[in-house]
Amino acid sequence: MTQIAIRSHSQPDHRLCTTLAALGRDAPAAASRFRRWVGISGRFYLVSVYPIAQCPDYVDAVLIAVDTSGACVWIGEAGQGGDGLAATLAAAARAGACEVHVHLLAGDPAARAAAIRDLDGRH
């Protein structure tokens, strides 16, 4: 099986985007859509990747806004989406973010808060 390396170019820390295994013939397309982040706990978080200007209006998701080097610019919750999310993403873009990595598998507020703490690594 072919491996596709997708890595963050940011400084080495626990908030890294790491390698995903190839997914057959769809691997190149999947590699551009999905990444895997590692929290400080060692837990993996699968995320969908969007250009920041094309991020869908998600609610109750964990978002990681990253710059061109893959460094985290902002991490937090999508909340109820809408204008609040649009304003948050616009502020992240002004701070240098060009992509949004969206984690949808944290199903309740406590799980999202725990994922954010784990991925943020500063708490």
Protein backbone atom coordinates (compact mmCIF):
# COMPACT_ATOMS: atom_id res chain seq x y z
CA MET A 1 0.00 0.00 0.00
CA THR A 2 1.28 3.46 -0.87
CA GLN A 3 1.65 5.98 1.93
CA ILE A 4 0.94 9.67 1.39
CA ALA A 5 2.68 11.96 3.84
CA ILE A 6 0.75 15.05 4.82
CA ARG A 7 2.65 16.93 7.44
CA SER A 8 2.52 20.32 9.05
CA HIS A 9 5.52 22.50 8.36
CA SER A 10 5.00 24.33 11.63
CA GLN A 11 7.40 24.10 14.51
CA PRO A 12 7.52 20.65 16.04
CA ASP A 13 4.92 20.36 18.76
CA HIS A 14 1.96 18.16 19.59
CA ARG A 15 -0.45 19.98 17.25
CA LEU A 16 0.79 18.20 14.15
CA CYS A 17 -0.98 17.11 11.03
CA THR A 18 0.37 13.63 10.34
CA THR A 19 0.48 10.93 7.68
CA LEU A 20 -2.69 9.33 6.34
CA ALA A 21 -2.65 5.93 4.66
CA ALA A 22 -3.53 5.96 0.97
CA LEU A 23 -7.09 5.20 0.00
CA GLY A 24 -6.59 3.29 -3.26
CA ARG A 25 -7.06 5.21 -6.49
CA ASP A 26 -8.81 8.03 -4.61
CA ALA A 27 -5.78 8.69 -2.43
CA PRO A 28 -4.66 11.97 -4.07
CA ALA A 29 -8.14 13.48 -3.85
CA ALA A 30 -8.66 12.19 -0.31
CA ALA A 31 -5.26 13.48 0.75
CA SER A 32 -6.31 17.00 -0.17
CA ARG A 33 -9.64 16.69 1.70
CA PHE A 34 -8.66 14.91 4.90
CA ARG A 35 -5.90 15.21 7.46
CA ARG A 36 -5.18 13.73 10.87
CA TRP A 37 -4.11 15.93 13.76
CA VAL A 38 -2.50 14.61 16.95
CA GLY A 39 -3.44 16.13 20.30
CA ILE A 40 -1.06 16.44 23.24
CA SER A 41 -2.67 13.28 24.63
CA GLY A 42 -1.57 11.33 21.55
CA ARG A 43 -5.17 11.00 20.37
CA PHE A 44 -5.81 11.36 16.63
CA TYR A 45 -8.44 13.71 15.19
CA LEU A 46 -9.66 13.26 11.62
CA VAL A 47 -10.47 16.58 9.94
CA SER A 48 -11.91 17.72 6.62
CA VAL A 49 -9.91 20.48 4.92
CA TYR A 50 -11.42 23.55 3.23
CA PRO A 51 -9.99 26.79 1.86
CA ILE A 52 -10.98 29.35 4.48
CA ALA A 53 -13.25 31.26 2.08
CA GLN A 54 -15.10 28.04 1.17
CA CYS A 55 -15.70 26.54 4.61
CA PRO A 56 -19.29 25.27 4.88
CA ASP A 57 -21.52 26.81 7.54
CA TYR A 58 -21.03 24.06 10.12
CA VAL A 59 -22.55 24.08 13.58
CA ASP A 60 -21.16 22.35 16.65
CA ALA A 61 -17.82 21.43 15.06
CA VAL A 62 -14.21 21.90 16.13
CA LEU A 63 -12.36 24.21 13.73
CA ILE A 64 -8.61 24.66 13.31
CA ALA A 65 -7.63 27.63 11.13
CA VAL A 66 -4.11 27.17 9.73
CA ASP A 67 -1.68 29.27 7.72
CA THR A 68 0.30 28.26 4.63
CA SER A 69 2.95 26.59 6.79
CA GLY A 70 0.33 24.43 8.53
CA ALA A 71 0.65 26.28 11.83
CA CYS A 72 -2.49 26.75 13.89
CA VAL A 73 -3.70 30.37 13.78
CA TRP A 74 -6.93 29.79 15.69
CA ILE A 75 -8.76 26.82 17.21
CA GLY A 76 -12.27 26.78 18.58
CA GLU A 77 -15.90 25.82 18.08
CA ALA A 78 -18.11 26.66 15.12
CA GLY A 79 -20.90 27.36 17.59
CA GLN A 80 -24.18 27.90 15.78
CA GLY A 81 -22.50 28.89 12.51
CA GLY A 82 -24.00 31.77 10.56
CA ASP A 83 -22.68 35.30 10.94
CA GLY A 84 -20.70 34.42 14.07
CA LEU A 85 -18.76 31.72 12.25
CA ALA A 86 -18.26 33.97 9.21
CA ALA A 87 -16.82 36.71 11.45
CA THR A 88 -14.54 34.23 13.24
CA LEU A 89 -13.21 32.85 9.95
CA ALA A 90 -12.72 36.37 8.55
CA ALA A 91 -10.67 37.28 11.64
CA ALA A 92 -8.62 34.08 11.26
CA ALA A 93 -8.00 34.93 7.59
CA ARG A 94 -6.80 38.42 8.57
CA ALA A 95 -4.43 36.72 11.05
CA GLY A 96 -2.95 34.64 8.22
CA ALA A 97 -5.13 31.52 8.03
CA CYS A 98 -5.77 30.11 4.56
CA GLU A 99 -7.40 26.76 5.42
CA VAL A 100 -9.91 25.48 7.94
CA HIS A 101 -9.59 21.94 9.29
CA VAL A 102 -13.00 20.77 10.54
CA HIS A 103 -13.42 17.97 13.10
CA LEU A 104 -17.02 16.74 13.15
CA LEU A 105 -16.76 13.69 15.40
CA ALA A 106 -16.89 15.46 18.78
CA GLY A 107 -20.61 14.99 19.33
CA ASP A 108 -21.39 17.13 22.36
CA PRO A 109 -20.12 20.34 23.99
CA ALA A 110 -17.93 18.47 26.50
CA ALA A 111 -16.29 16.39 23.75
CA ARG A 112 -15.66 19.50 21.64
CA ALA A 113 -14.14 21.36 24.61
CA ALA A 114 -11.90 18.37 25.38
CA ALA A 115 -10.77 18.11 21.75
CA ILE A 116 -9.98 21.82 21.62
CA ARG A 117 -7.92 21.60 24.84
CA ASP A 118 -6.09 18.53 23.53
CA LEU A 119 -5.35 20.06 20.13
CA ASP A 120 -4.55 23.52 21.45
CA GLY A 121 -1.97 22.22 23.90
CA ARG A 122 -1.79 25.44 25.90
CA HIS A 123 -4.20 24.42 28.68
